[in-house]
Amino acid sequence: MARSTEPAPSHLVPVALILLVWHGLLAADYVIERFALGAQGWPALMALMPLDALWLNVTWALGVWLGLVAALFLMLRDDASVLLFFFAMAFEVALALGVFLAAPPVLMLPVPLAVILPVLVAFPLFGWLYARSLNRRGCLH
């Protein structure tokens, strides 16, 4: 595989760090909630969402972990981040649709579900668009 000759833009590291922190927090929330490691007051996002069906749990896990791996690959300037962000976004869209359809009319969340779900989709969508533009310019290898 050929190495890229285009230098990395100056905004690559800050954007990759923001995406890495976001997906890292989601991954930490997943591990803490999945394995019951959190304290009583832990502000868990996973526990607040109605993930009753198995397919919702699977899409949540795939969206979280693919997003984290994609952010790591973007930090390393690997072009696989484009595809990983795309699939992370697709799983988050499936999760958002499933949670929106399965949620009770009034879900007791600190933030409305209509705000949380678009944010969960927006970060991998932004990561995908950003990584795709860098890949088209030849900055990723």
N, C-alpha and C. Protein backbone atom coordinates (compact mmCIF):
# COMPACT_ATOMS: atom_id res chain seq x y z
N MET A 1 0.85 -1.17 0.00
CA MET A 1 0.00 0.00 0.00
C MET A 1 0.90 1.24 0.00
N ALA A 2 0.59 2.16 -0.85
CA ALA A 2 1.41 3.36 -0.99
C ALA A 2 1.18 4.33 0.16
N ARG A 3 2.22 4.94 0.59
CA ARG A 3 2.13 5.97 1.62
C ARG A 3 1.66 7.27 1.00
N SER A 4 0.93 8.05 1.79
CA SER A 4 0.44 9.32 1.26
C SER A 4 1.59 10.33 1.21
N THR A 5 1.56 11.14 0.18
CA THR A 5 2.58 12.18 0.05
C THR A 5 2.06 13.52 0.54
N GLU A 6 0.77 13.62 0.70
CA GLU A 6 0.16 14.86 1.18
C GLU A 6 0.42 14.98 2.68
N PRO A 7 0.91 16.15 3.15
CA PRO A 7 1.12 16.31 4.59
C PRO A 7 -0.21 16.37 5.34
N ALA A 8 -0.17 15.97 6.58
CA ALA A 8 -1.38 16.00 7.41
C ALA A 8 -1.78 17.45 7.68
N PRO A 9 -3.05 17.77 7.56
CA PRO A 9 -3.48 19.13 7.89
C PRO A 9 -3.35 19.39 9.39
N SER A 10 -3.23 20.64 9.74
CA SER A 10 -3.02 20.99 11.14
C SER A 10 -4.23 20.67 12.01
N HIS A 11 -5.40 20.57 11.42
CA HIS A 11 -6.61 20.31 12.20
C HIS A 11 -6.89 18.83 12.39
N LEU A 12 -6.07 17.96 11.82
CA LEU A 12 -6.30 16.52 11.94
C LEU A 12 -6.21 16.05 13.38
N VAL A 13 -5.18 16.42 14.09
CA VAL A 13 -4.99 15.94 15.46
C VAL A 13 -6.09 16.44 16.40
N PRO A 14 -6.45 17.74 16.40
CA PRO A 14 -7.53 18.16 17.30
C PRO A 14 -8.88 17.49 16.98
N VAL A 15 -9.19 17.37 15.70
CA VAL A 15 -10.46 16.73 15.33
C VAL A 15 -10.44 15.26 15.72
N ALA A 16 -9.35 14.57 15.46
CA ALA A 16 -9.24 13.16 15.83
C ALA A 16 -9.30 12.99 17.35
N LEU A 17 -8.71 13.91 18.09
CA LEU A 17 -8.77 13.84 19.56
C LEU A 17 -10.19 14.03 20.07
N ILE A 18 -10.91 14.97 19.49
CA ILE A 18 -12.31 15.20 19.90
C ILE A 18 -13.14 13.95 19.64
N LEU A 19 -12.97 13.37 18.45
CA LEU A 19 -13.71 12.15 18.12
C LEU A 19 -13.27 10.99 19.02
N LEU A 20 -12.00 10.92 19.32
CA LEU A 20 -11.49 9.86 20.19
C LEU A 20 -12.03 10.00 21.62
N VAL A 21 -12.07 11.21 22.12
CA VAL A 21 -12.61 11.43 23.47
C VAL A 21 -14.09 11.09 23.52
N TRP A 22 -14.85 11.54 22.51
CA TRP A 22 -16.29 11.25 22.48
C TRP A 22 -16.55 9.74 22.46
N HIS A 23 -15.91 9.06 21.53
CA HIS A 23 -16.14 7.62 21.42
C HIS A 23 -15.51 6.87 22.59
N GLY A 24 -14.44 7.41 23.17
CA GLY A 24 -13.86 6.81 24.37
C GLY A 24 -14.79 6.90 25.56
N LEU A 25 -15.49 8.03 25.70
CA LEU A 25 -16.47 8.15 26.78
C LEU A 25 -17.64 7.20 26.58
N LEU A 26 -18.09 7.05 25.34
CA LEU A 26 -19.16 6.09 25.07
C LEU A 26 -18.70 4.66 25.37
N ALA A 27 -17.44 4.35 25.01
CA ALA A 27 -16.91 3.01 25.29
C ALA A 27 -16.76 2.79 26.79
N ALA A 28 -16.32 3.80 27.52
CA ALA A 28 -16.22 3.68 28.98
C ALA A 28 -17.59 3.47 29.59
N ASP A 29 -18.58 4.21 29.10
CA ASP A 29 -19.95 4.04 29.58
C ASP A 29 -20.44 2.63 29.29
N TYR A 30 -20.13 2.12 28.11
CA TYR A 30 -20.55 0.76 27.75
C TYR A 30 -19.93 -0.27 28.69
N VAL A 31 -18.62 -0.17 28.92
CA VAL A 31 -17.95 -1.15 29.78
C VAL A 31 -18.46 -1.05 31.21
N ILE A 32 -18.61 0.16 31.71
CA ILE A 32 -19.06 0.34 33.10
C ILE A 32 -20.47 -0.18 33.30
N GLU A 33 -21.34 0.08 32.35
CA GLU A 33 -22.72 -0.39 32.48
C GLU A 33 -22.87 -1.87 32.16
N ARG A 34 -22.16 -2.35 31.17
CA ARG A 34 -22.30 -3.75 30.76
C ARG A 34 -21.79 -4.69 31.83
N PHE A 35 -20.73 -4.31 32.50
CA PHE A 35 -20.13 -5.18 33.51
C PHE A 35 -20.42 -4.70 34.93
N ALA A 36 -21.36 -3.77 35.09
CA ALA A 36 -21.82 -3.28 36.39
C ALA A 36 -20.66 -2.81 37.26
N LEU A 37 -19.82 -1.94 36.71
CA LEU A 37 -18.66 -1.43 37.44
C LEU A 37 -18.90 -0.05 38.05
N GLY A 38 -20.00 0.58 37.71
CA GLY A 38 -20.24 1.96 38.12
C GLY A 38 -20.83 2.09 39.51
N ALA A 39 -20.67 3.27 40.04
CA ALA A 39 -21.26 3.58 41.33
C ALA A 39 -22.73 3.97 41.12
N GLN A 40 -23.43 4.19 42.21
CA GLN A 40 -24.84 4.54 42.13
C GLN A 40 -25.09 5.83 41.35
N GLY A 41 -24.26 6.81 41.51
CA GLY A 41 -24.47 8.11 40.88
C GLY A 41 -23.86 8.26 39.50
N TRP A 42 -23.38 7.17 38.91
CA TRP A 42 -22.73 7.24 37.60
C TRP A 42 -23.75 7.72 36.55
N PRO A 43 -23.41 8.77 35.81
CA PRO A 43 -24.37 9.28 34.80
C PRO A 43 -24.33 8.44 33.52
N ALA A 44 -24.90 7.27 33.58
CA ALA A 44 -24.81 6.32 32.48
C ALA A 44 -25.82 6.62 31.39
N LEU A 45 -25.35 6.66 30.18
CA LEU A 45 -26.24 6.85 29.04
C LEU A 45 -26.87 5.53 28.63
N MET A 46 -26.10 4.47 28.65
CA MET A 46 -26.60 3.17 28.23
C MET A 46 -27.76 2.69 29.11
N ALA A 47 -27.65 2.92 30.40
CA ALA A 47 -28.69 2.47 31.32
C ALA A 47 -29.98 3.27 31.17
N LEU A 48 -29.89 4.48 30.66
CA LEU A 48 -31.07 5.32 30.53
C LEU A 48 -31.86 5.07 29.25
N MET A 49 -31.23 4.43 28.28
CA MET A 49 -31.92 4.18 27.02
C MET A 49 -32.66 2.85 27.08
N PRO A 50 -33.81 2.78 26.41
CA PRO A 50 -34.56 1.51 26.42
C PRO A 50 -33.97 0.50 25.44
N LEU A 51 -32.93 -0.20 25.88
CA LEU A 51 -32.26 -1.19 25.05
C LEU A 51 -32.74 -2.59 25.43
N ASP A 52 -34.04 -2.81 25.34
CA ASP A 52 -34.61 -4.07 25.79
C ASP A 52 -34.37 -5.21 24.81
N ALA A 53 -34.42 -4.92 23.53
CA ALA A 53 -34.24 -5.97 22.52
C ALA A 53 -32.75 -6.27 22.33
N LEU A 54 -32.46 -7.50 21.98
CA LEU A 54 -31.08 -7.92 21.76
C LEU A 54 -30.46 -7.15 20.61
N TRP A 55 -31.20 -6.92 19.54
CA TRP A 55 -30.63 -6.23 18.39
C TRP A 55 -30.28 -4.79 18.73
N LEU A 56 -30.99 -4.16 19.66
CA LEU A 56 -30.62 -2.81 20.09
C LEU A 56 -29.31 -2.83 20.88
N ASN A 57 -29.13 -3.84 21.72
CA ASN A 57 -27.86 -3.97 22.44
C ASN A 57 -26.70 -4.20 21.49
N VAL A 58 -26.92 -5.01 20.47
CA VAL A 58 -25.86 -5.30 19.50
C VAL A 58 -25.53 -4.06 18.68
N THR A 59 -26.54 -3.33 18.22
CA THR A 59 -26.26 -2.12 17.43
C THR A 59 -25.59 -1.06 18.28
N TRP A 60 -25.96 -0.96 19.55
CA TRP A 60 -25.30 -0.01 20.45
C TRP A 60 -23.82 -0.37 20.60
N ALA A 61 -23.55 -1.64 20.85
CA ALA A 61 -22.16 -2.09 21.02
C ALA A 61 -21.35 -1.86 19.75
N LEU A 62 -21.90 -2.22 18.60
CA LEU A 62 -21.17 -2.05 17.34
C LEU A 62 -20.94 -0.57 17.02
N GLY A 63 -21.93 0.27 17.26
CA GLY A 63 -21.76 1.70 17.02
C GLY A 63 -20.69 2.31 17.90
N VAL A 64 -20.68 1.92 19.17
CA VAL A 64 -19.69 2.45 20.12
C VAL A 64 -18.28 1.99 19.76
N TRP A 65 -18.10 0.70 19.58
CA TRP A 65 -16.75 0.16 19.39
C TRP A 65 -16.20 0.45 18.00
N LEU A 66 -17.04 0.43 16.97
CA LEU A 66 -16.56 0.81 15.64
C LEU A 66 -16.17 2.28 15.60
N GLY A 67 -16.92 3.12 16.30
CA GLY A 67 -16.57 4.54 16.36
C GLY A 67 -15.24 4.77 17.06
N LEU A 68 -14.99 4.02 18.13
CA LEU A 68 -13.72 4.15 18.85
C LEU A 68 -12.55 3.70 17.98
N VAL A 69 -12.70 2.57 17.31
CA VAL A 69 -11.64 2.07 16.44
C VAL A 69 -11.43 3.03 15.27
N ALA A 70 -12.51 3.57 14.73
CA ALA A 70 -12.39 4.53 13.63
C ALA A 70 -11.64 5.78 14.06
N ALA A 71 -11.91 6.27 15.27
CA ALA A 71 -11.21 7.46 15.76
C ALA A 71 -9.72 7.15 15.96
N LEU A 72 -9.41 5.95 16.45
CA LEU A 72 -8.00 5.56 16.59
C LEU A 72 -7.31 5.49 15.22
N PHE A 73 -7.99 4.91 14.24
CA PHE A 73 -7.42 4.82 12.90
C PHE A 73 -7.26 6.19 12.26
N LEU A 74 -8.19 7.10 12.55
CA LEU A 74 -8.05 8.46 12.02
C LEU A 74 -6.83 9.14 12.63
N MET A 75 -6.60 8.91 13.91
CA MET A 75 -5.43 9.47 14.57
C MET A 75 -4.14 8.94 13.93
N LEU A 76 -4.18 7.70 13.46
CA LEU A 76 -3.02 7.09 12.80
C LEU A 76 -2.97 7.39 11.30
N ARG A 77 -3.91 8.17 10.81
CA ARG A 77 -4.03 8.54 9.39
C ARG A 77 -4.24 7.33 8.49
N ASP A 78 -5.01 6.38 8.98
CA ASP A 78 -5.31 5.18 8.19
C ASP A 78 -6.64 5.37 7.47
N ASP A 79 -6.68 4.99 6.19
CA ASP A 79 -7.89 5.20 5.41
C ASP A 79 -9.02 4.24 5.78
N ALA A 80 -8.76 3.25 6.59
CA ALA A 80 -9.82 2.36 7.08
C ALA A 80 -10.80 3.11 7.97
N SER A 81 -10.40 4.27 8.49
CA SER A 81 -11.29 5.05 9.34
C SER A 81 -12.53 5.51 8.59
N VAL A 82 -12.42 5.69 7.28
CA VAL A 82 -13.58 6.12 6.49
C VAL A 82 -14.67 5.06 6.56
N LEU A 83 -14.33 3.84 6.28
CA LEU A 83 -15.30 2.75 6.30
C LEU A 83 -15.80 2.47 7.72
N LEU A 84 -14.91 2.53 8.69
CA LEU A 84 -15.31 2.28 10.08
C LEU A 84 -16.27 3.35 10.59
N PHE A 85 -15.99 4.62 10.27
CA PHE A 85 -16.93 5.68 10.67
C PHE A 85 -18.28 5.50 9.98
N PHE A 86 -18.25 5.08 8.71
CA PHE A 86 -19.51 4.87 8.01
C PHE A 86 -20.36 3.80 8.69
N PHE A 87 -19.74 2.68 9.04
CA PHE A 87 -20.49 1.62 9.69
C PHE A 87 -20.90 2.00 11.11
N ALA A 88 -20.07 2.75 11.81
CA ALA A 88 -20.46 3.24 13.14
C ALA A 88 -21.68 4.14 13.02
N MET A 89 -21.68 5.01 12.00
CA MET A 89 -22.83 5.88 11.78
C MET A 89 -24.07 5.06 11.43
N ALA A 90 -23.92 4.05 10.58
CA ALA A 90 -25.06 3.22 10.19
C ALA A 90 -25.66 2.50 11.40
N PHE A 91 -24.81 1.99 12.28
CA PHE A 91 -25.32 1.32 13.47
C PHE A 91 -25.96 2.31 14.44
N GLU A 92 -25.44 3.52 14.53
CA GLU A 92 -26.06 4.52 15.40
C GLU A 92 -27.41 4.98 14.82
N VAL A 93 -27.52 5.05 13.51
CA VAL A 93 -28.82 5.39 12.89
C VAL A 93 -29.83 4.29 13.18
N ALA A 94 -29.41 3.02 13.03
CA ALA A 94 -30.30 1.91 13.34
C ALA A 94 -30.71 1.93 14.81
N LEU A 95 -29.75 2.24 15.69
CA LEU A 95 -30.06 2.34 17.12
C LEU A 95 -31.04 3.47 17.37
N ALA A 96 -30.82 4.61 16.77
CA ALA A 96 -31.70 5.76 16.98
C ALA A 96 -33.13 5.44 16.53
N LEU A 97 -33.26 4.81 15.38
CA LEU A 97 -34.60 4.44 14.91
C LEU A 97 -35.25 3.43 15.83
N GLY A 98 -34.49 2.42 16.24
CA GLY A 98 -35.04 1.40 17.13
C GLY A 98 -35.42 1.95 18.49
N VAL A 99 -34.57 2.78 19.06
CA VAL A 99 -34.87 3.36 20.37
C VAL A 99 -36.04 4.32 20.26
N PHE A 100 -36.10 5.10 19.19
CA PHE A 100 -37.20 6.04 19.02
C PHE A 100 -38.53 5.31 18.88
N LEU A 101 -38.53 4.20 18.17
CA LEU A 101 -39.76 3.44 17.99
C LEU A 101 -40.12 2.62 19.22
N ALA A 102 -39.13 2.18 20.00
CA ALA A 102 -39.38 1.34 21.17
C ALA A 102 -39.58 2.14 22.45
N ALA A 103 -39.21 3.41 22.44
CA ALA A 103 -39.26 4.20 23.68
C ALA A 103 -40.70 4.51 24.06
N PRO A 104 -40.97 4.53 25.36
CA PRO A 104 -42.29 4.98 25.80
C PRO A 104 -42.47 6.46 25.44
N PRO A 105 -43.71 6.93 25.40
CA PRO A 105 -43.94 8.32 24.99
C PRO A 105 -43.19 9.34 25.83
N VAL A 106 -43.12 9.12 27.14
CA VAL A 106 -42.40 10.04 28.00
C VAL A 106 -41.30 9.24 28.68
N LEU A 107 -40.09 9.41 28.20
CA LEU A 107 -38.95 8.70 28.75
C LEU A 107 -38.26 9.63 29.75
N MET A 108 -38.01 9.15 30.95
CA MET A 108 -37.45 9.98 32.00
C MET A 108 -35.93 10.06 31.87
N LEU A 109 -35.47 10.92 31.00
CA LEU A 109 -34.05 11.18 30.81
C LEU A 109 -33.74 12.60 31.23
N PRO A 110 -32.51 12.86 31.68
CA PRO A 110 -32.14 14.24 32.00
C PRO A 110 -32.20 15.15 30.78
N VAL A 111 -31.92 14.58 29.61
CA VAL A 111 -31.98 15.31 28.35
C VAL A 111 -32.98 14.56 27.47
N PRO A 112 -33.82 15.26 26.73
CA PRO A 112 -34.81 14.55 25.91
C PRO A 112 -34.16 13.61 24.90
N LEU A 113 -34.85 12.53 24.63
CA LEU A 113 -34.36 11.53 23.70
C LEU A 113 -34.15 12.12 22.31
N ALA A 114 -34.95 13.10 21.95
CA ALA A 114 -34.82 13.74 20.64
C ALA A 114 -33.54 14.55 20.52
N VAL A 115 -32.86 14.81 21.62
CA VAL A 115 -31.57 15.51 21.58
C VAL A 115 -30.42 14.51 21.61
N ILE A 116 -30.56 13.46 22.40
CA ILE A 116 -29.49 12.47 22.56
C ILE A 116 -29.25 11.69 21.27
N LEU A 117 -30.31 11.22 20.65
CA LEU A 117 -30.16 10.36 19.48
C LEU A 117 -29.50 11.08 18.29
N PRO A 118 -29.88 12.32 17.95
CA PRO A 118 -29.16 12.99 16.86
C PRO A 118 -27.68 13.24 17.17
N VAL A 119 -27.34 13.49 18.42
CA VAL A 119 -25.93 13.69 18.78
C VAL A 119 -25.15 12.39 18.61
N LEU A 120 -25.79 11.26 18.97
CA LEU A 120 -25.13 9.97 18.80
C LEU A 120 -24.87 9.67 17.32
N VAL A 121 -25.72 10.16 16.44
CA VAL A 121 -25.54 9.96 15.00
C VAL A 121 -24.59 11.01 14.43
N ALA A 122 -24.61 12.22 14.96
CA ALA A 122 -23.85 13.33 14.38
C ALA A 122 -22.34 13.13 14.49
N PHE A 123 -21.86 12.59 15.60
CA PHE A 123 -20.41 12.43 15.75
C PHE A 123 -19.81 11.46 14.74
N PRO A 124 -20.36 10.24 14.59
CA PRO A 124 -19.78 9.37 13.55
C PRO A 124 -20.04 9.89 12.13
N LEU A 125 -21.15 10.60 11.93
CA LEU A 125 -21.41 11.19 10.62
C LEU A 125 -20.34 12.24 10.29
N PHE A 126 -20.04 13.10 11.26
CA PHE A 126 -18.99 14.08 11.06
C PHE A 126 -17.64 13.40 10.83
N GLY A 127 -17.36 12.37 11.63
CA GLY A 127 -16.10 11.65 11.47
C GLY A 127 -15.98 11.02 10.09
N TRP A 128 -17.08 10.47 9.59
CA TRP A 128 -17.07 9.86 8.26
C TRP A 128 -16.84 10.90 7.18
N LEU A 129 -17.56 12.02 7.26
CA LEU A 129 -17.39 13.07 6.24
C LEU A 129 -15.98 13.65 6.29
N TYR A 130 -15.45 13.83 7.49
CA TYR A 130 -14.11 14.39 7.65
C TYR A 130 -13.05 13.43 7.12
N ALA A 131 -13.14 12.17 7.52
CA ALA A 131 -12.16 11.18 7.07
C ALA A 131 -12.26 10.97 5.56
N ARG A 132 -13.46 11.01 5.02
CA ARG A 132 -13.64 10.84 3.58
C ARG A 132 -13.01 11.99 2.81
N SER A 133 -13.16 13.21 3.33
CA SER A 133 -12.55 14.36 2.64
C SER A 133 -11.02 14.29 2.70
N LEU A 134 -10.49 13.86 3.85
CA LEU A 134 -9.03 13.70 3.96
C LEU A 134 -8.54 12.58 3.03
N ASN A 135 -9.31 11.53 2.92
CA ASN A 135 -8.90 10.42 2.06
C ASN A 135 -8.92 10.84 0.59
N ARG A 136 -9.90 11.64 0.20
CA ARG A 136 -9.97 12.11 -1.17
C ARG A 136 -8.82 13.05 -1.51
N ARG A 137 -8.33 13.79 -0.51
CA ARG A 137 -7.19 14.69 -0.73
C ARG A 137 -5.86 13.96 -0.64
N GLY A 138 -5.88 12.70 -0.26
CA GLY A 138 -4.66 11.91 -0.20
C GLY A 138 -3.91 12.06 1.11
N CYS A 139 -4.56 12.52 2.16
CA CYS A 139 -3.87 12.69 3.45
C CYS A 139 -3.84 11.40 4.27
N LEU A 140 -4.70 10.45 3.95
CA LEU A 140 -4.73 9.18 4.68
C LEU A 140 -4.05 8.11 3.85
N HIS A 141 -3.50 7.13 4.51
CA HIS A 141 -2.83 6.04 3.78
C HIS A 141 -3.40 4.71 4.15
